[in-house]
Amino acid sequence: MSTVAKMAKYAAPLILSFAMAAASAASLQGDMVNKGHAHEALFGVNASADGLIAVGGAGQISSSKDGITWQRVNVDLAGRSLLAVSDVGGNAIAVGQQGVIVLRNADTWQEQESPTTERLFSVAQDGAGFVIASGGFGTVLRSVDSGKSWEKLLIDWQELIGQSYEPHVYNVTVDDQGRAYMAGEFGMIARSDDQGKSWQALHSGDESLFGLAFGDRGLAYAVGQSGTILRSLDSGDSWSKIESGSNAILLDVSVRSDDRAVVTGIREALSIAPGGQRAERLDNSQLLDSWYCDVGVYKGDFYVVGQKANVLKLSI
């Protein structure tokens, strides 16, 4: 599958609807806590103990300590967009178009030397120096000094997933044990126990996977094309499908400490109750009339970002 299906994350909205009706609707309160302009977009959000950071078009970085009041800066990246951000223990790293990597230093953001010009879709870290980033055409980068220097990993995709084609790696994450995971084309989910030196395939399939998130007690979700939602109860060793009631492009998922999950996508937003066997549609016009491509949890509430650089707080 090409990057067209993930264009909301990359450059411009794909305002298409794909048989989106889920079986039931979950009640929620939605508050627009940050509004941008029609031509703007936020593509990534990260929640940490220090607050929220969201990144987007043309080097935009917005941050909030309370989820309500937002401060914005624009990093001069020659028009390149930032697509993802990770902040652990105050070490904040953002990645984006043409392989751009920026690292926060006090109150400023500084561009780092990158070993790739491929678009970078995702970044994650363990808080102890190990950072992983992923992007187009099999691009996976690693840092062991908290993002100051980077190397490109050479992965034998034929051996790992049985494909000679280098897949787009749409999402990476690191669990609380420091293990790295990646998800992408061909339904790929893979895990590394040695900071990216070697990988073990955990899942493959027909639908591309765009979002990947881990909760507590071995719970994990992956979401993607055609309304695909996968769940693992054993830290990714095995995966099973959850009924989504949707055929939309699902772009991201986040899991709260009580195991509640929220999924966002192209004119679609879903919730999965703790232990639930199917997703419920979040019935909110602010969600369903737009696209939101990333979601994070802060102080018990879900925050979604997307079109017009909007940030929507969901209380559910």
Protein backbone atom coordinates (compact mmCIF):
# COMPACT_ATOMS: atom_id res chain seq x y z
CA MET A 1 0.00 0.00 0.00
CA SER A 2 1.27 3.48 -0.87
CA THR A 3 1.52 6.47 1.41
CA VAL A 4 -1.70 7.86 -0.06
CA ALA A 5 -3.69 6.12 2.68
CA LYS A 6 -1.72 7.95 5.33
CA MET A 7 -1.71 11.39 3.73
CA ALA A 8 -3.44 12.95 6.72
CA LYS A 9 -0.27 12.24 8.65
CA TYR A 10 2.04 13.44 5.92
CA ALA A 11 1.04 16.55 4.07
CA ALA A 12 -2.64 17.14 3.29
CA PRO A 13 -5.97 15.76 4.44
CA LEU A 14 -7.54 12.81 2.71
CA ILE A 15 -11.17 13.75 3.29
CA LEU A 16 -12.80 10.48 2.40
CA SER A 17 -15.34 8.37 4.22
CA PHE A 18 -15.28 4.57 4.11
CA ALA A 19 -18.49 2.96 5.45
CA MET A 20 -17.80 4.34 8.87
CA ALA A 21 -20.80 3.38 10.98
CA ALA A 22 -19.86 1.46 14.10
CA ALA A 23 -22.41 -0.69 15.90
CA SER A 24 -22.97 1.63 18.86
CA ALA A 25 -21.93 5.03 20.14
CA ALA A 26 -20.09 5.89 23.34
CA SER A 27 -20.93 9.05 25.28
CA LEU A 28 -18.20 11.61 25.80
CA GLN A 29 -17.48 15.26 26.37
CA GLY A 30 -15.36 16.93 23.71
CA ASP A 31 -13.69 20.28 24.33
CA MET A 32 -11.71 22.13 21.64
CA VAL A 33 -8.74 23.36 23.68
CA ASN A 34 -6.65 24.71 20.80
CA LYS A 35 -7.73 26.06 17.41
CA GLY A 36 -5.52 26.75 14.45
CA HIS A 37 -6.23 27.95 10.93
CA ALA A 38 -7.73 26.27 7.88
CA HIS A 39 -4.38 25.72 6.16
CA GLU A 40 -2.63 24.30 9.24
CA ALA A 41 -2.35 20.79 10.67
CA LEU A 42 -0.93 18.97 13.67
CA PHE A 43 0.33 15.47 12.93
CA GLY A 44 1.71 14.17 16.23
CA VAL A 45 1.12 14.55 19.96
CA ASN A 46 2.97 13.23 23.00
CA ALA A 47 1.82 13.24 26.62
CA SER A 48 4.27 12.98 29.51
CA ALA A 49 4.40 13.92 33.16
CA ASP A 50 5.58 17.37 32.04
CA GLY A 51 2.58 18.06 29.81
CA LEU A 52 1.69 17.80 26.13
CA ILE A 53 3.69 18.52 22.98
CA ALA A 54 2.12 18.58 19.50
CA VAL A 55 3.96 18.99 16.19
CA GLY A 56 2.82 19.81 12.70
CA GLY A 57 3.19 21.64 9.43
CA ALA A 58 6.15 23.89 8.62
CA GLY A 59 7.96 23.19 11.88
CA GLN A 60 5.07 24.04 14.19
CA ILE A 61 5.49 22.92 17.82
CA SER A 62 2.77 23.61 20.40
CA SER A 63 3.00 22.70 24.08
CA SER A 64 0.79 22.80 27.15
CA LYS A 65 1.37 22.19 30.85
CA ASP A 66 -2.32 21.84 31.71
CA GLY A 67 -3.95 20.69 28.47
CA ILE A 68 -5.88 23.96 28.20
CA THR A 69 -3.39 26.78 27.58
CA TRP A 70 -1.07 26.24 24.62
CA GLN A 71 2.15 27.97 23.58
CA ARG A 72 3.36 27.79 20.01
CA VAL A 73 6.77 28.11 18.38
CA ASN A 74 7.81 27.59 14.78
CA VAL A 75 11.19 26.01 14.13
CA ASP A 76 12.81 27.12 10.88
CA LEU A 77 12.97 23.87 8.90
CA ALA A 78 12.75 25.33 5.39
CA GLY A 79 9.08 24.43 5.14
CA ARG A 80 9.42 20.82 6.28
CA SER A 81 6.69 19.43 8.50
CA LEU A 82 7.18 17.59 11.77
CA LEU A 83 5.14 14.38 11.92
CA ALA A 84 5.84 12.83 15.33
CA VAL A 85 7.25 13.70 18.74
CA SER A 86 8.46 11.83 21.82
CA ASP A 87 9.11 13.33 25.25
CA VAL A 88 10.39 11.14 28.09
CA GLY A 89 11.88 12.65 31.22
CA GLY A 90 12.15 16.04 29.53
CA ASN A 91 14.11 14.70 26.55
CA ALA A 92 11.95 15.80 23.62
CA ILE A 93 12.63 14.70 20.03
CA ALA A 94 10.57 15.40 16.91
CA VAL A 95 10.93 13.93 13.41
CA GLY A 96 9.37 14.58 10.03
CA GLN A 97 9.70 15.23 6.33
CA GLN A 98 12.97 14.64 4.47
CA GLY A 99 14.41 12.83 7.49
CA VAL A 100 14.42 15.92 9.69
CA ILE A 101 15.20 15.36 13.39
CA VAL A 102 15.02 18.11 16.01
CA LEU A 103 16.00 17.89 19.67
CA ARG A 104 14.84 20.24 22.41
CA ASN A 105 17.63 22.02 24.26
CA ALA A 106 16.24 24.08 27.15
CA ASP A 107 13.71 26.38 25.46
CA THR A 108 14.96 25.95 21.89
CA TRP A 109 14.81 23.19 19.30
CA GLN A 110 17.93 22.28 17.34
CA GLU A 111 18.13 20.24 14.16
CA GLN A 112 20.33 17.14 14.39
CA GLU A 113 22.29 15.43 11.63
CA SER A 114 20.14 12.72 10.05
CA PRO A 115 21.34 9.65 8.13
CA THR A 116 18.29 9.68 5.84
CA THR A 117 16.21 11.93 3.62
CA GLU A 118 13.20 9.62 3.79
CA ARG A 119 10.12 10.89 5.57
CA LEU A 120 10.08 9.89 9.24
CA PHE A 121 6.67 8.98 10.59
CA SER A 122 7.30 7.99 14.21
CA VAL A 123 9.77 8.25 17.09
CA ALA A 124 9.93 6.62 20.54
CA GLN A 125 12.43 6.28 23.39
CA ASP A 126 13.06 4.42 26.64
CA GLY A 127 14.21 7.37 28.76
CA ALA A 128 17.68 5.90 29.22
CA GLY A 129 19.30 7.01 25.95
CA PHE A 130 17.81 4.56 23.43
CA VAL A 131 15.67 6.21 20.73
CA ILE A 132 14.13 4.66 17.63
CA ALA A 133 12.54 6.37 14.62
CA SER A 134 10.89 4.95 11.52
CA GLY A 135 9.83 6.07 8.09
CA GLY A 136 9.34 5.32 4.42
CA PHE A 137 10.80 2.44 2.44
CA GLY A 138 12.10 0.40 5.37
CA THR A 139 13.77 3.30 7.14
CA VAL A 140 14.52 2.56 10.80
CA LEU A 141 16.96 4.78 12.73
CA ARG A 142 18.54 4.27 16.13
CA SER A 143 20.19 6.53 18.68
CA VAL A 144 21.83 5.48 21.94
CA ASP A 145 22.65 9.00 23.16
CA SER A 146 19.12 10.41 23.57
CA GLY A 147 18.85 11.58 19.97
CA LYS A 148 22.09 13.50 19.53
CA SER A 149 23.52 11.10 16.92
CA TRP A 150 21.83 8.50 14.74
CA GLU A 151 22.52 5.41 12.67
CA LYS A 152 20.39 3.72 10.03
CA LEU A 153 19.59 0.08 10.78
CA LEU A 154 20.05 -2.49 8.02
CA ILE A 155 17.13 -4.91 8.24
CA ASP A 156 16.73 -8.03 6.09
CA TRP A 157 13.06 -7.61 5.26
CA GLN A 158 12.95 -10.81 3.22
CA GLU A 159 14.04 -12.78 6.26
CA LEU A 160 11.87 -10.84 8.70
CA ILE A 161 8.52 -10.64 6.87
CA GLY A 162 9.05 -12.57 3.63
CA GLN A 163 9.02 -9.45 1.46
CA SER A 164 11.85 -8.20 -0.73
CA TYR A 165 10.08 -4.83 -0.93
CA GLU A 166 11.14 -2.43 1.82
CA PRO A 167 7.93 -1.63 3.71
CA HIS A 168 6.89 1.73 5.07
CA VAL A 169 7.31 1.52 8.84
CA TYR A 170 4.54 3.76 10.10
CA ASN A 171 4.89 3.43 13.85
CA VAL A 172 7.44 2.57 16.51
CA THR A 173 7.04 2.36 20.27
CA VAL A 174 9.05 1.23 23.29
CA ASP A 175 7.38 -0.66 26.14
CA ASP A 176 8.09 -0.32 29.86
CA GLN A 177 10.72 -3.07 29.62
CA GLY A 178 12.69 -1.19 26.97
CA ARG A 179 11.68 -3.47 24.11
CA ALA A 180 11.14 -1.77 20.75
CA TYR A 181 8.20 -2.51 18.44
CA MET A 182 7.45 -1.44 14.89
CA ALA A 183 4.33 -1.66 12.72
CA GLY A 184 3.70 -0.94 9.07
CA GLU A 185 2.85 -2.34 5.68
CA PHE A 186 1.88 -5.99 5.14
CA GLY A 187 0.27 -6.01 8.58
CA MET A 188 3.75 -6.09 10.05
CA ILE A 189 4.39 -6.01 13.77
CA ALA A 190 7.92 -6.82 14.93
CA ARG A 191 9.82 -6.63 18.21
CA SER A 192 13.45 -6.05 19.18
CA ASP A 193 14.85 -7.04 22.57
CA ASP A 194 18.29 -5.55 21.87
CA GLN A 195 17.62 -1.92 20.94
CA GLY A 196 17.04 -2.59 17.25
CA LYS A 197 20.01 -4.85 16.51
CA SER A 198 17.74 -7.80 15.70
CA TRP A 199 13.99 -8.20 15.15
CA GLN A 200 11.35 -10.89 15.59
CA ALA A 201 8.18 -10.86 13.47
CA LEU A 202 5.01 -11.05 15.58
CA HIS A 203 2.24 -10.50 13.02
CA SER A 204 1.64 -10.16 9.29
CA GLY A 205 -1.49 -9.64 7.22
CA ASP A 206 -3.15 -7.89 4.31
CA GLU A 207 -3.88 -4.51 5.88
CA SER A 208 -1.27 -1.86 6.64
CA LEU A 209 -0.98 -0.90 10.30
CA PHE A 210 -0.52 2.77 11.21
CA GLY A 211 -0.91 3.01 14.99
CA LEU A 212 0.57 0.93 17.82
CA ALA A 213 0.24 1.42 21.57
CA PHE A 214 0.97 -0.53 24.75
CA GLY A 215 -0.90 -0.31 28.02
CA ASP A 216 -0.33 -2.13 31.29
CA ARG A 217 -0.36 -5.85 32.08
CA GLY A 218 0.62 -6.91 28.56
CA LEU A 219 -2.23 -5.07 26.79
CA ALA A 220 -1.49 -3.66 23.33
CA TYR A 221 -3.44 -2.41 20.32
CA ALA A 222 -2.58 -1.93 16.65
CA VAL A 223 -4.84 -0.12 14.16
CA GLY A 224 -4.79 0.46 10.44
CA GLN A 225 -6.38 0.23 7.03
CA SER A 226 -10.01 -0.81 6.46
CA GLY A 227 -11.02 -0.39 10.09
CA THR A 228 -8.48 -2.92 11.32
CA ILE A 229 -8.05 -3.17 15.11
CA LEU A 230 -5.77 -5.82 16.61
CA ARG A 231 -5.35 -6.55 20.31
CA SER A 232 -2.69 -8.41 22.25
CA LEU A 233 -2.95 -9.54 25.87
CA ASP A 234 0.58 -10.96 26.08
CA SER A 235 2.86 -8.02 25.25
CA GLY A 236 2.60 -8.58 21.51
CA ASP A 237 3.37 -12.30 21.34
CA SER A 238 -0.05 -13.00 19.77
CA TRP A 239 -2.74 -10.80 18.22
CA SER A 240 -6.47 -11.11 17.56
CA LYS A 241 -8.95 -8.90 15.71
CA ILE A 242 -11.42 -6.66 17.52
CA GLU A 243 -14.66 -5.81 15.68
CA SER A 244 -14.50 -2.13 14.75
CA GLY A 245 -17.78 -1.78 12.86
CA SER A 246 -15.88 0.53 10.53
CA ASN A 247 -14.05 0.44 7.23
CA ALA A 248 -12.28 3.76 7.79
CA ILE A 249 -8.55 4.39 7.76
CA LEU A 250 -7.54 4.25 11.44
CA LEU A 251 -4.35 6.18 12.13
CA ASP A 252 -3.55 6.00 15.84
CA VAL A 253 -4.51 4.47 19.18
CA SER A 254 -3.75 5.29 22.80
CA VAL A 255 -4.44 3.28 25.97
CA ARG A 256 -5.33 4.75 29.37
CA SER A 257 -4.21 3.24 32.68
CA ASP A 258 -7.67 1.66 33.18
CA ASP A 259 -7.27 -0.13 29.78
CA ARG A 260 -9.73 2.18 27.96
CA ALA A 261 -8.47 2.78 24.40
CA VAL A 262 -9.31 5.53 21.91
CA VAL A 263 -8.70 5.17 18.16
CA THR A 264 -8.60 8.08 15.69
CA GLY A 265 -8.64 8.27 11.92
CA ILE A 266 -10.10 9.80 8.79
CA ARG A 267 -13.52 11.10 9.90
CA GLU A 268 -13.64 8.37 12.49
CA ALA A 269 -13.07 7.98 16.22
CA LEU A 270 -13.67 4.84 18.26
CA SER A 271 -13.43 3.76 21.87
CA ILE A 272 -12.75 0.30 23.29
CA ALA A 273 -13.90 -0.32 26.85
CA PRO A 274 -11.65 -2.25 29.25
CA GLY A 275 -12.04 -5.89 28.24
CA GLY A 276 -14.41 -4.91 25.41
CA GLN A 277 -14.85 -7.21 22.44
CA ARG A 278 -15.82 -4.50 19.95
CA ALA A 279 -15.24 -0.81 19.39
CA GLU A 280 -17.85 1.88 19.96
CA ARG A 281 -18.08 4.96 17.81
CA LEU A 282 -17.42 8.27 19.55
CA ASP A 283 -20.42 10.31 18.46
CA ASN A 284 -19.09 13.85 18.30
CA SER A 285 -19.43 16.18 15.31
CA GLN A 286 -16.03 17.77 15.97
CA LEU A 287 -14.45 14.33 15.52
CA LEU A 288 -16.50 13.02 12.63
CA ASP A 289 -16.42 16.13 10.43
CA SER A 290 -12.63 16.25 10.29
CA TRP A 291 -9.54 14.09 10.58
CA TYR A 292 -7.43 13.49 13.64
CA CYS A 293 -4.27 11.50 13.15
CA ASP A 294 -2.71 11.17 16.62
CA VAL A 295 -3.94 10.69 20.18
CA GLY A 296 -2.34 10.80 23.64
CA VAL A 297 -3.48 10.46 27.25
CA TYR A 298 -2.83 13.21 29.80
CA LYS A 299 -4.23 13.27 33.35
CA GLY A 300 -6.92 10.76 32.42
CA ASP A 301 -8.22 12.56 29.33
CA PHE A 302 -7.53 11.77 25.68
CA TYR A 303 -6.14 14.53 23.44
CA VAL A 304 -6.42 14.21 19.66
CA VAL A 305 -4.71 16.41 17.06
CA GLY A 306 -5.19 16.90 13.36
CA GLN A 307 -6.78 19.15 10.75
CA LYS A 308 -6.58 22.96 11.19
CA ALA A 309 -4.03 22.37 13.99
CA ASN A 310 -6.94 21.64 16.31
CA VAL A 311 -6.49 19.92 19.67
CA LEU A 312 -9.61 18.22 21.02
CA LYS A 313 -9.83 17.01 24.62
CA LEU A 314 -12.01 13.91 25.07
CA SER A 315 -13.38 12.99 28.49
CA ILE A 316 -14.81 9.47 28.46
